[in-house]
Each structure stands twice: as C-alpha cells, then as structure tokens.
Amino acid sequence: MGKEIRMSYDDEGDILDISIGDPKKAVSKEVEDDFFLRVNPASGEVVGFSILNFRKWFRDAKDIKTLPIKAELAIS
C-alpha cells in the first residue's frame, strides 16, 4: 500500500516541509543549500524533506529547482 504525503508550510520560518507516510524518527541530511532529506537512520528510507528559505528559491512560478532525488508516485 502507498504512503500519504503530508505538506506544511511555516510562513514565519519560511520552511516547506514534506513528510512521506507516518511520522518516524529521522536524521536530516543537507543535499544542497537549504534542501534537507530526512532519512530513517535504521532503514535508510527517505521519510521526507524540508526546504528552508522557500520564498528565496521559488519567488516566481517560473523558478525551477532540481534535486538528485528519484521517486515513485502512484494514485490509489
């Protein structure tokens, strides 16, 4: 069965947070300036990611940022 994706945005802190599945313990790893993957230390599974200074990176709808992440998504 698939996992739900939960998104939240903290306007004051300017942080976009995306979680995959139920909350789990995780260690954050910076993969690029202001982009952090959250990884379950026991399994190595990516359980979410955070983007700091979100408005700085995406001021305009034409702004595009790519990350070295591969994912599978499906609609259930």
PDB file of N, CA and C in Angstrom:
ATOM      1  N   MET A   1       0.836  -1.182   0.000  1.00  0.00           N
ATOM      2  CA  MET A   1       0.000   0.000   0.000  1.00  0.00           C
ATOM      3  C   MET A   1       0.880   1.244   0.000  1.00  0.00           C
ATOM      4  N   GLY A   2       0.427   2.292  -0.652  1.00  0.00           N
ATOM      5  CA  GLY A   2       1.199   3.517  -0.741  1.00  0.00           C
ATOM      6  C   GLY A   2       1.188   4.302   0.554  1.00  0.00           C
ATOM      7  N   LYS A   3       1.985   5.336   0.576  1.00  0.00           N
ATOM      8  CA  LYS A   3       2.092   6.201   1.745  1.00  0.00           C
ATOM      9  C   LYS A   3       1.551   7.572   1.393  1.00  0.00           C
ATOM     10  N   GLU A   4       0.901   8.188   2.379  1.00  0.00           N
ATOM     11  CA  GLU A   4       0.399   9.537   2.181  1.00  0.00           C
ATOM     12  C   GLU A   4       1.550  10.528   2.247  1.00  0.00           C
ATOM     13  N   ILE A   5       1.393  11.601   1.517  1.00  0.00           N
ATOM     14  CA  ILE A   5       2.358  12.697   1.567  1.00  0.00           C
ATOM     15  C   ILE A   5       1.692  13.843   2.311  1.00  0.00           C
ATOM     16  N   ARG A   6       2.376  14.333   3.336  1.00  0.00           N
ATOM     17  CA  ARG A   6       1.861  15.446   4.135  1.00  0.00           C
ATOM     18  C   ARG A   6       2.744  16.664   3.884  1.00  0.00           C
ATOM     19  N   MET A   7       2.106  17.796   3.620  1.00  0.00           N
ATOM     20  CA  MET A   7       2.850  19.019   3.354  1.00  0.00           C
ATOM     21  C   MET A   7       2.423  20.097   4.336  1.00  0.00           C
ATOM     22  N   SER A   8       3.384  20.866   4.797  1.00  0.00           N
ATOM     23  CA  SER A   8       3.070  22.016   5.634  1.00  0.00           C
ATOM     24  C   SER A   8       4.064  23.127   5.318  1.00  0.00           C
ATOM     25  N   TYR A   9       3.599  24.342   5.530  1.00  0.00           N
ATOM     26  CA  TYR A   9       4.459  25.498   5.280  1.00  0.00           C
ATOM     27  C   TYR A   9       4.408  26.410   6.491  1.00  0.00           C
ATOM     28  N   ASP A  10       5.567  26.765   7.003  1.00  0.00           N
ATOM     29  CA  ASP A  10       5.696  27.698   8.120  1.00  0.00           C
ATOM     30  C   ASP A  10       6.066  29.050   7.527  1.00  0.00           C
ATOM     31  N   ASP A  11       5.075  29.952   7.473  1.00  0.00           N
ATOM     32  CA  ASP A  11       5.278  31.261   6.850  1.00  0.00           C
ATOM     33  C   ASP A  11       6.318  32.082   7.599  1.00  0.00           C
ATOM     34  N   GLU A  12       6.272  32.052   8.921  1.00  0.00           N
ATOM     35  CA  GLU A  12       7.212  32.848   9.720  1.00  0.00           C
ATOM     36  C   GLU A  12       8.655  32.351   9.523  1.00  0.00           C
ATOM     37  N   GLY A  13       8.838  31.039   9.544  1.00  0.00           N
ATOM     38  CA  GLY A  13      10.174  30.470   9.368  1.00  0.00           C
ATOM     39  C   GLY A  13      10.548  30.288   7.907  1.00  0.00           C
ATOM     40  N   ASP A  14       9.568  30.430   6.995  1.00  0.00           N
ATOM     41  CA  ASP A  14       9.756  30.251   5.552  1.00  0.00           C
ATOM     42  C   ASP A  14      10.324  28.865   5.240  1.00  0.00           C
ATOM     43  N   ILE A  15       9.641  27.830   5.777  1.00  0.00           N
ATOM     44  CA  ILE A  15      10.090  26.449   5.599  1.00  0.00           C
ATOM     45  C   ILE A  15       8.937  25.620   5.039  1.00  0.00           C
ATOM     46  N   LEU A  16       9.181  24.939   3.929  1.00  0.00           N
ATOM     47  CA  LEU A  16       8.245  23.957   3.395  1.00  0.00           C
ATOM     48  C   LEU A  16       8.701  22.598   3.886  1.00  0.00           C
ATOM     49  N   ASP A  17       7.771  21.843   4.458  1.00  0.00           N
ATOM     50  CA  ASP A  17       8.097  20.528   4.983  1.00  0.00           C
ATOM     51  C   ASP A  17       7.178  19.503   4.338  1.00  0.00           C
ATOM     52  N   ILE A  18       7.765  18.443   3.815  1.00  0.00           N
ATOM     53  CA  ILE A  18       7.001  17.364   3.198  1.00  0.00           C
ATOM     54  C   ILE A  18       7.404  16.066   3.873  1.00  0.00           C
ATOM     55  N   SER A  19       6.390  15.347   4.382  1.00  0.00           N
ATOM     56  CA  SER A  19       6.620  14.065   5.043  1.00  0.00           C
ATOM     57  C   SER A  19       5.969  12.967   4.229  1.00  0.00           C
ATOM     58  N   ILE A  20       6.618  11.816   4.190  1.00  0.00           N
ATOM     59  CA  ILE A  20       6.122  10.662   3.444  1.00  0.00           C
ATOM     60  C   ILE A  20       5.737   9.592   4.450  1.00  0.00           C
ATOM     61  N   GLY A  21       4.456   9.255   4.483  1.00  0.00           N
ATOM     62  CA  GLY A  21       3.982   8.235   5.410  1.00  0.00           C
ATOM     63  C   GLY A  21       3.840   8.765   6.817  1.00  0.00           C
ATOM     64  N   ASP A  22       3.663   7.826   7.756  1.00  0.00           N
ATOM     65  CA  ASP A  22       3.508   8.182   9.167  1.00  0.00           C
ATOM     66  C   ASP A  22       4.811   8.771   9.706  1.00  0.00           C
ATOM     67  N   PRO A  23       4.713   9.662  10.699  1.00  0.00           N
ATOM     68  CA  PRO A  23       5.925  10.235  11.290  1.00  0.00           C
ATOM     69  C   PRO A  23       6.860   9.150  11.831  1.00  0.00           C
ATOM     70  N   LYS A  24       8.153   9.336  11.578  1.00  0.00           N
ATOM     71  CA  LYS A  24       9.183   8.410  12.043  1.00  0.00           C
ATOM     72  C   LYS A  24      10.382   9.206  12.514  1.00  0.00           C
ATOM     73  N   LYS A  25      11.192   8.584  13.362  1.00  0.00           N
ATOM     74  CA  LYS A  25      12.460   9.208  13.730  1.00  0.00           C
ATOM     75  C   LYS A  25      13.288   9.353  12.470  1.00  0.00           C
ATOM     76  N   ALA A  26      13.999  10.470  12.386  1.00  0.00           N
ATOM     77  CA  ALA A  26      14.788  10.713  11.180  1.00  0.00           C
ATOM     78  C   ALA A  26      15.991  11.592  11.495  1.00  0.00           C
ATOM     79  N   VAL A  27      16.964  11.487  10.611  1.00  0.00           N
ATOM     80  CA  VAL A  27      18.151  12.329  10.649  1.00  0.00           C
ATOM     81  C   VAL A  27      18.108  13.171   9.380  1.00  0.00           C
ATOM     82  N   SER A  28      18.315  14.477   9.514  1.00  0.00           N
ATOM     83  CA  SER A  28      18.317  15.355   8.347  1.00  0.00           C
ATOM     84  C   SER A  28      19.705  15.400   7.726  1.00  0.00           C
ATOM     85  N   LYS A  29      19.719  15.330   6.395  1.00  0.00           N
ATOM     86  CA  LYS A  29      20.972  15.414   5.643  1.00  0.00           C
ATOM     87  C   LYS A  29      20.812  16.492   4.584  1.00  0.00           C
ATOM     88  N   GLU A  30      21.703  17.478   4.614  1.00  0.00           N
ATOM     89  CA  GLU A  30      21.633  18.549   3.624  1.00  0.00           C
ATOM     90  C   GLU A  30      22.176  18.025   2.308  1.00  0.00           C
ATOM     91  N   VAL A  31      21.344  18.070   1.255  1.00  0.00           N
ATOM     92  CA  VAL A  31      21.774  17.597  -0.061  1.00  0.00           C
ATOM     93  C   VAL A  31      22.157  18.745  -0.977  1.00  0.00           C
ATOM     94  N   GLU A  32      21.720  19.939  -0.613  1.00  0.00           N
ATOM     95  CA  GLU A  32      22.060  21.159  -1.338  1.00  0.00           C
ATOM     96  C   GLU A  32      21.710  22.302  -0.397  1.00  0.00           C
ATOM     97  N   ASP A  33      22.233  23.496  -0.653  1.00  0.00           N
ATOM     98  CA  ASP A  33      21.924  24.628   0.222  1.00  0.00           C
ATOM     99  C   ASP A  33      20.421  24.723   0.461  1.00  0.00           C
ATOM    100  N   ASP A  34      20.006  24.698   1.720  1.00  0.00           N
ATOM    101  CA  ASP A  34      18.621  24.865   2.154  1.00  0.00           C
ATOM    102  C   ASP A  34      17.701  23.680   1.852  1.00  0.00           C
ATOM    103  N   PHE A  35      18.205  22.592   1.278  1.00  0.00           N
ATOM    104  CA  PHE A  35      17.400  21.412   0.969  1.00  0.00           C
ATOM    105  C   PHE A  35      17.891  20.240   1.808  1.00  0.00           C
ATOM    106  N   PHE A  36      16.988  19.711   2.631  1.00  0.00           N
ATOM    107  CA  PHE A  36      17.342  18.632   3.551  1.00  0.00           C
ATOM    108  C   PHE A  36      16.462  17.416   3.317  1.00  0.00           C
ATOM    109  N   LEU A  37      17.079  16.249   3.194  1.00  0.00           N
ATOM    110  CA  LEU A  37      16.341  14.985   3.194  1.00  0.00           C
ATOM    111  C   LEU A  37      16.264  14.502   4.622  1.00  0.00           C
ATOM    112  N   ARG A  38      15.123  13.941   5.010  1.00  0.00           N
ATOM    113  CA  ARG A  38      15.010  13.298   6.310  1.00  0.00           C
ATOM    114  C   ARG A  38      15.026  11.796   6.066  1.00  0.00           C
ATOM    115  N   VAL A  39      15.978  11.131   6.702  1.00  0.00           N
ATOM    116  CA  VAL A  39      16.215   9.712   6.469  1.00  0.00           C
ATOM    117  C   VAL A  39      16.065   8.948   7.781  1.00  0.00           C
ATOM    118  N   ASN A  40      15.337   7.824   7.734  1.00  0.00           N
ATOM    119  CA  ASN A  40      15.219   6.933   8.882  1.00  0.00           C
ATOM    120  C   ASN A  40      16.587   6.288   9.089  1.00  0.00           C
ATOM    121  N   PRO A  41      17.241   6.518  10.232  1.00  0.00           N
ATOM    122  CA  PRO A  41      18.601   6.011  10.425  1.00  0.00           C
ATOM    123  C   PRO A  41      18.670   4.482  10.479  1.00  0.00           C
ATOM    124  N   ALA A  42      17.595   3.830  10.864  1.00  0.00           N
ATOM    125  CA  ALA A  42      17.601   2.367  10.958  1.00  0.00           C
ATOM    126  C   ALA A  42      17.520   1.703   9.589  1.00  0.00           C
ATOM    127  N   SER A  43      16.685   2.270   8.698  1.00  0.00           N
ATOM    128  CA  SER A  43      16.450   1.619   7.403  1.00  0.00           C
ATOM    129  C   SER A  43      17.084   2.334   6.215  1.00  0.00           C
ATOM    130  N   GLY A  44      17.452   3.607   6.391  1.00  0.00           N
ATOM    131  CA  GLY A  44      17.966   4.391   5.270  1.00  0.00           C
ATOM    132  C   GLY A  44      16.864   4.935   4.377  1.00  0.00           C
ATOM    133  N   GLU A  45      15.607   4.680   4.758  1.00  0.00           N
ATOM    134  CA  GLU A  45      14.462   5.110   3.970  1.00  0.00           C
ATOM    135  C   GLU A  45      14.276   6.627   4.091  1.00  0.00           C
ATOM    136  N   VAL A  46      14.017   7.287   2.964  1.00  0.00           N
ATOM    137  CA  VAL A  46      13.705   8.714   2.971  1.00  0.00           C
ATOM    138  C   VAL A  46      12.269   8.868   3.470  1.00  0.00           C
ATOM    139  N   VAL A  47      12.093   9.634   4.547  1.00  0.00           N
ATOM    140  CA  VAL A  47      10.766   9.819   5.134  1.00  0.00           C
ATOM    141  C   VAL A  47      10.246  11.240   4.945  1.00  0.00           C
ATOM    142  N   GLY A  48      11.013  12.086   4.272  1.00  0.00           N
ATOM    143  CA  GLY A  48      10.547  13.432   3.995  1.00  0.00           C
ATOM    144  C   GLY A  48      11.681  14.345   3.599  1.00  0.00           C
ATOM    145  N   PHE A  49      11.308  15.587   3.350  1.00  0.00           N
ATOM    146  CA  PHE A  49      12.323  16.595   3.074  1.00  0.00           C
ATOM    147  C   PHE A  49      11.809  17.968   3.451  1.00  0.00           C
ATOM    148  N   SER A  50      12.742  18.873   3.644  1.00  0.00           N
ATOM    149  CA  SER A  50      12.424  20.247   4.023  1.00  0.00           C
ATOM    150  C   SER A  50      13.185  21.208   3.125  1.00  0.00           C
ATOM    151  N   ILE A  51      12.541  22.318   2.825  1.00  0.00           N
ATOM    152  CA  ILE A  51      13.174  23.374   2.041  1.00  0.00           C
ATOM    153  C   ILE A  51      13.152  24.635   2.893  1.00  0.00           C
ATOM    154  N   LEU A  52      14.328  25.061   3.318  1.00  0.00           N
ATOM    155  CA  LEU A  52      14.469  26.301   4.076  1.00  0.00           C
ATOM    156  C   LEU A  52      14.507  27.466   3.099  1.00  0.00           C
ATOM    157  N   ASN A  53      14.121  28.647   3.555  1.00  0.00           N
ATOM    158  CA  ASN A  53      14.123  29.849   2.703  1.00  0.00           C
ATOM    159  C   ASN A  53      13.347  29.600   1.413  1.00  0.00           C
ATOM    160  N   PHE A  54      12.181  28.984   1.566  1.00  0.00           N
ATOM    161  CA  PHE A  54      11.378  28.570   0.418  1.00  0.00           C
ATOM    162  C   PHE A  54      11.111  29.714  -0.552  1.00  0.00           C
ATOM    163  N   ARG A  55      10.725  30.872  -0.041  1.00  0.00           N
ATOM    164  CA  ARG A  55      10.417  32.006  -0.938  1.00  0.00           C
ATOM    165  C   ARG A  55      11.638  32.444  -1.726  1.00  0.00           C
ATOM    166  N   LYS A  56      12.820  32.340  -1.142  1.00  0.00           N
ATOM    167  CA  LYS A  56      14.037  32.721  -1.861  1.00  0.00           C
ATOM    168  C   LYS A  56      14.213  31.859  -3.115  1.00  0.00           C
ATOM    169  N   TRP A  57      13.922  30.573  -2.977  1.00  0.00           N
ATOM    170  CA  TRP A  57      14.134  29.646  -4.087  1.00  0.00           C
ATOM    171  C   TRP A  57      13.011  29.679  -5.111  1.00  0.00           C
ATOM    172  N   PHE A  58      11.795  30.044  -4.688  1.00  0.00           N
ATOM    173  CA  PHE A  58      10.647  29.955  -5.584  1.00  0.00           C
ATOM    174  C   PHE A  58       9.837  31.250  -5.569  1.00  0.00           C
ATOM    175  N   ARG A  59      10.486  32.354  -5.864  1.00  0.00           N
ATOM    176  CA  ARG A  59       9.823  33.660  -5.883  1.00  0.00           C
ATOM    177  C   ARG A  59       8.849  33.780  -7.048  1.00  0.00           C
ATOM    178  N   ASP A  60       9.125  33.095  -8.103  1.00  0.00           N
ATOM    179  CA  ASP A  60       8.367  33.218  -9.338  1.00  0.00           C
ATOM    180  C   ASP A  60       7.917  31.828  -9.759  1.00  0.00           C
ATOM    181  N   ALA A  61       6.745  31.732 -10.369  1.00  0.00           N
ATOM    182  CA  ALA A  61       6.239  30.429 -10.819  1.00  0.00           C
ATOM    183  C   ALA A  61       7.160  29.797 -11.858  1.00  0.00           C
ATOM    184  N   LYS A  62       8.021  30.587 -12.492  1.00  0.00           N
ATOM    185  CA  LYS A  62       8.948  30.058 -13.495  1.00  0.00           C
ATOM    186  C   LYS A  62      10.217  29.489 -12.870  1.00  0.00           C
ATOM    187  N   ASP A  63      10.436  29.779 -11.576  1.00  0.00           N
ATOM    188  CA  ASP A  63      11.626  29.255 -10.900  1.00  0.00           C
ATOM    189  C   ASP A  63      11.538  27.737 -10.802  1.00  0.00           C
ATOM    190  N   ILE A  64      12.603  27.062 -11.192  1.00  0.00           N
ATOM    191  CA  ILE A  64      12.658  25.609 -11.126  1.00  0.00           C
ATOM    192  C   ILE A  64      13.925  25.205 -10.394  1.00  0.00           C
ATOM    193  N   LYS A  65      13.786  24.255  -9.493  1.00  0.00           N
ATOM    194  CA  LYS A  65      14.926  23.736  -8.740  1.00  0.00           C
ATOM    195  C   LYS A  65      14.888  22.227  -8.858  1.00  0.00           C
ATOM    196  N   THR A  66      15.980  21.624  -9.229  1.00  0.00           N
ATOM    197  CA  THR A  66      16.031  20.171  -9.309  1.00  0.00           C
ATOM    198  C   THR A  66      16.963  19.631  -8.238  1.00  0.00           C
ATOM    199  N   LEU A  67      16.624  18.449  -7.756  1.00  0.00           N
ATOM    200  CA  LEU A  67      17.414  17.772  -6.734  1.00  0.00           C
ATOM    201  C   LEU A  67      17.769  16.380  -7.213  1.00  0.00           C
ATOM    202  N   PRO A  68      18.867  15.826  -6.705  1.00  0.00           N
ATOM    203  CA  PRO A  68      19.274  14.477  -7.126  1.00  0.00           C
ATOM    204  C   PRO A  68      18.473  13.399  -6.387  1.00  0.00           C
ATOM    205  N   ILE A  69      17.148  13.431  -6.552  1.00  0.00           N
ATOM    206  CA  ILE A  69      16.257  12.503  -5.858  1.00  0.00           C
ATOM    207  C   ILE A  69      15.397  11.788  -6.884  1.00  0.00           C
ATOM    208  N   LYS A  70      15.245  10.485  -6.746  1.00  0.00           N
ATOM    209  CA  LYS A  70      14.333   9.727  -7.595  1.00  0.00           C
ATOM    210  C   LYS A  70      13.176   9.246  -6.731  1.00  0.00           C
ATOM    211  N   ALA A  71      11.961   9.261  -7.287  1.00  0.00           N
ATOM    212  CA  ALA A  71      10.797   8.860  -6.519  1.00  0.00           C
ATOM    213  C   ALA A  71       9.801   8.138  -7.415  1.00  0.00           C
ATOM    214  N   GLU A  72       8.980   7.315  -6.809  1.00  0.00           N
ATOM    215  CA  GLU A  72       7.863   6.674  -7.486  1.00  0.00           C
ATOM    216  C   GLU A  72       6.598   7.177  -6.847  1.00  0.00           C
ATOM    217  N   LEU A  73       5.661   7.614  -7.643  1.00  0.00           N
ATOM    218  CA  LEU A  73       4.386   8.093  -7.130  1.00  0.00           C
ATOM    219  C   LEU A  73       3.264   7.343  -7.835  1.00  0.00           C
ATOM    220  N   ALA A  74       2.190   7.116  -7.129  1.00  0.00           N
ATOM    221  CA  ALA A  74       1.016   6.448  -7.691  1.00  0.00           C
ATOM    222  C   ALA A  74      -0.226   6.990  -7.018  1.00  0.00           C
ATOM    223  N   ILE A  75      -1.321   6.982  -7.718  1.00  0.00           N
ATOM    224  CA  ILE A  75      -2.604   7.377  -7.145  1.00  0.00           C
ATOM    225  C   ILE A  75      -3.339   6.098  -6.786  1.00  0.00           C
ATOM    226  N   SER A  76      -3.826   6.054  -5.550  1.00  0.00           N
ATOM    227  CA  SER A  76      -4.523   4.827  -5.135  1.00  0.00           C
ATOM    228  C   SER A  76      -6.020   5.006  -5.205  1.00  0.00           C
TER     229      SER A  76
END
